[in-house]
C-alpha atoms as a PDB file:
ATOM      1  CA  MET A   1     373.800 261.491 206.757  1.00  0.00           C
ATOM      2  CA  ASN A   2     375.277 258.098 206.027  1.00  0.00           C
ATOM      3  CA  ALA A   3     377.059 256.923 209.138  1.00  0.00           C
ATOM      4  CA  PRO A   4     379.839 254.412 208.623  1.00  0.00           C
ATOM      5  CA  ILE A   5     378.830 250.850 209.363  1.00  0.00           C
ATOM      6  CA  ARG A   6     380.590 249.595 212.459  1.00  0.00           C
ATOM      7  CA  GLN A   7     381.273 245.904 212.820  1.00  0.00           C
ATOM      8  CA  THR A   8     381.000 244.060 216.099  1.00  0.00           C
ATOM      9  CA  SER A   9     384.207 242.578 217.439  1.00  0.00           C
ATOM     10  CA  SER A  10     384.162 238.804 217.053  1.00  0.00           C
ATOM     11  CA  LEU A  11     386.244 238.466 220.230  1.00  0.00           C
ATOM     12  CA  ALA A  12     383.530 240.325 222.136  1.00  0.00           C
ATOM     13  CA  VAL A  13     380.911 237.880 220.871  1.00  0.00           C
ATOM     14  CA  VAL A  14     383.156 234.932 221.811  1.00  0.00           C
ATOM     15  CA  SER A  15     383.614 236.408 225.279  1.00  0.00           C
ATOM     16  CA  LEU A  16     379.859 236.725 225.777  1.00  0.00           C
ATOM     17  CA  VAL A  17     379.129 233.217 224.470  1.00  0.00           C
ATOM     18  CA  PHE A  18     381.786 231.626 226.663  1.00  0.00           C
ATOM     19  CA  GLY A  19     380.645 233.701 229.629  1.00  0.00           C
ATOM     20  CA  ILE A  20     377.218 232.112 229.217  1.00  0.00           C
ATOM     21  CA  LEU A  21     378.777 228.683 228.729  1.00  0.00           C
ATOM     22  CA  GLY A  22     380.765 229.260 231.914  1.00  0.00           C
ATOM     23  CA  TRP A  23     377.492 229.371 233.831  1.00  0.00           C
ATOM     24  CA  THR A  24     376.033 226.309 232.092  1.00  0.00           C
ATOM     25  CA  LEU A  25     378.093 223.696 230.252  1.00  0.00           C
ATOM     26  CA  LEU A  26     381.764 224.590 230.788  1.00  0.00           C
ATOM     27  CA  PRO A  27     381.943 226.027 234.297  1.00  0.00           C
ATOM     28  CA  PHE A  28     385.619 226.869 234.718  1.00  0.00           C
ATOM     29  CA  LEU A  29     387.072 226.538 231.218  1.00  0.00           C
ATOM     30  CA  GLY A  30     384.346 228.664 229.635  1.00  0.00           C
ATOM     31  CA  SER A  31     384.936 231.383 232.208  1.00  0.00           C
ATOM     32  CA  LEU A  32     388.672 231.467 231.530  1.00  0.00           C
ATOM     33  CA  VAL A  33     388.043 231.805 227.792  1.00  0.00           C
ATOM     34  CA  ALA A  34     385.469 234.549 228.459  1.00  0.00           C
ATOM     35  CA  VAL A  35     387.918 236.551 230.560  1.00  0.00           C
ATOM     36  CA  VAL A  36     390.823 236.230 228.116  1.00  0.00           C
ATOM     37  CA  CYS A  37     388.710 237.012 225.057  1.00  0.00           C
ATOM     38  CA  GLY A  38     386.952 239.857 226.871  1.00  0.00           C
ATOM     39  CA  HIS A  39     390.221 241.610 227.629  1.00  0.00           C
ATOM     40  CA  MET A  40     391.494 241.015 224.099  1.00  0.00           C
ATOM     41  CA  ALA A  41     388.233 242.340 222.629  1.00  0.00           C
ATOM     42  CA  ARG A  42     388.312 245.523 224.702  1.00  0.00           C
ATOM     43  CA  ALA A  43     391.895 246.189 223.616  1.00  0.00           C
ATOM     44  CA  GLU A  44     390.971 245.504 219.981  1.00  0.00           C
ATOM     45  CA  ILE A  45     387.989 247.875 220.193  1.00  0.00           C
ATOM     46  CA  ARG A  46     390.124 250.646 221.703  1.00  0.00           C
ATOM     47  CA  ARG A  47     392.776 250.223 218.989  1.00  0.00           C
ATOM     48  CA  ALA A  48     390.143 250.343 216.225  1.00  0.00           C
ATOM     49  CA  GLN A  49     389.294 253.968 217.146  1.00  0.00           C
ATOM     50  CA  GLY A  50     385.579 253.797 216.529  1.00  0.00           C
ATOM     51  CA  SER A  51     385.386 251.323 213.660  1.00  0.00           C
ATOM     52  CA  LEU A  52     384.514 248.379 215.950  1.00  0.00           C
ATOM     53  CA  GLU A  53     381.771 248.045 218.527  1.00  0.00           C
ATOM     54  CA  GLY A  54     380.903 245.423 221.103  1.00  0.00           C
ATOM     55  CA  ASP A  55     382.469 246.814 224.259  1.00  0.00           C
ATOM     56  CA  GLY A  56     379.292 246.018 226.191  1.00  0.00           C
ATOM     57  CA  LEU A  57     379.385 242.419 224.997  1.00  0.00           C
ATOM     58  CA  ALA A  58     383.003 242.114 226.092  1.00  0.00           C
ATOM     59  CA  VAL A  59     382.236 243.620 229.508  1.00  0.00           C
ATOM     60  CA  ALA A  60     379.297 241.240 229.977  1.00  0.00           C
ATOM     61  CA  GLY A  61     381.545 238.282 229.140  1.00  0.00           C
ATOM     62  CA  LEU A  62     384.179 239.578 231.555  1.00  0.00           C
ATOM     63  CA  VAL A  63     381.691 240.028 234.379  1.00  0.00           C
ATOM     64  CA  MET A  64     380.191 236.565 233.926  1.00  0.00           C
ATOM     65  CA  GLY A  65     383.627 234.977 233.640  1.00  0.00           C
ATOM     66  CA  TYR A  66     385.049 236.699 236.706  1.00  0.00           C
ATOM     67  CA  LEU A  67     381.927 235.875 238.736  1.00  0.00           C
ATOM     68  CA  VAL A  68     382.192 232.160 237.997  1.00  0.00           C
ATOM     69  CA  ILE A  69     385.932 232.142 238.721  1.00  0.00           C
ATOM     70  CA  GLY A  70     385.386 233.991 242.007  1.00  0.00           C
ATOM     71  CA  LEU A  71     382.544 231.725 243.067  1.00  0.00           C
ATOM     72  CA  SER A  72     384.622 228.660 242.163  1.00  0.00           C
ATOM     73  CA  VAL A  73     387.509 229.871 244.325  1.00  0.00           C
ATOM     74  CA  LEU A  74     385.122 230.554 247.218  1.00  0.00           C
ATOM     75  CA  ALA A  75     383.522 227.109 246.856  1.00  0.00           C
ATOM     76  CA  LEU A  76     386.930 225.424 246.771  1.00  0.00           C
ATOM     77  CA  ALA A  77     388.020 227.333 249.884  1.00  0.00           C
ATOM     78  CA  ALA A  78     384.794 226.334 251.658  1.00  0.00           C
ATOM     79  CA  VAL A  79     385.366 222.664 250.833  1.00  0.00           C
ATOM     80  CA  PHE A  80     388.946 222.785 252.128  1.00  0.00           C
ATOM     81  CA  LEU A  81     387.911 224.621 255.273  1.00  0.00           C
ATOM     82  CA  PHE A  82     385.049 222.191 255.914  1.00  0.00           C
ATOM     83  CA  PHE A  83     387.137 219.045 255.517  1.00  0.00           C
ATOM     84  CA  GLY A  84     390.079 220.632 257.318  1.00  0.00           C
ATOM     85  CA  GLY A  85     387.765 221.414 260.208  1.00  0.00           C
ATOM     86  CA  LEU A  86     386.505 217.843 260.249  1.00  0.00           C
ATOM     87  CA  LEU A  87     390.065 216.520 260.336  1.00  0.00           C
ATOM     88  CA  TRP A  88     390.966 218.892 263.149  1.00  0.00           C
ATOM     89  CA  PHE A  89     387.849 217.901 265.075  1.00  0.00           C
ATOM     90  CA  ALA A  90     388.621 214.196 264.619  1.00  0.00           C
ATOM     91  CA  ALA A  91     392.248 214.706 265.678  1.00  0.00           C
ATOM     92  CA  VAL A  92     391.371 216.688 268.802  1.00  0.00           C
ATOM     93  CA  PHE A  93     388.257 214.899 269.991  1.00  0.00           C
ATOM     94  CA  GLY A  94     388.604 211.514 268.312  1.00  0.00           C
ATOM     95  CA  HIS A  95     390.836 209.870 270.904  1.00  0.00           C
END
């Protein structure tokens, strides 16, 4: 009847916390930490063979981290395309 007490992976908690920080205070750096710690946590949980939990926390940190990184890349591409278009427009029609 007594089930063994499973501990939560500290890397999974770190991944979740930095995933949240990636959306608020540390936009890019927090997301990188969330992704790295999330992958490390999932590997740690798999190796522990049932004695660790927190896979959902790690996945949530991974999702938040990857979303911020993806949105940052899209925003950077949009800025380059916008200013590149302005330069092209000025070069073609500016004279």
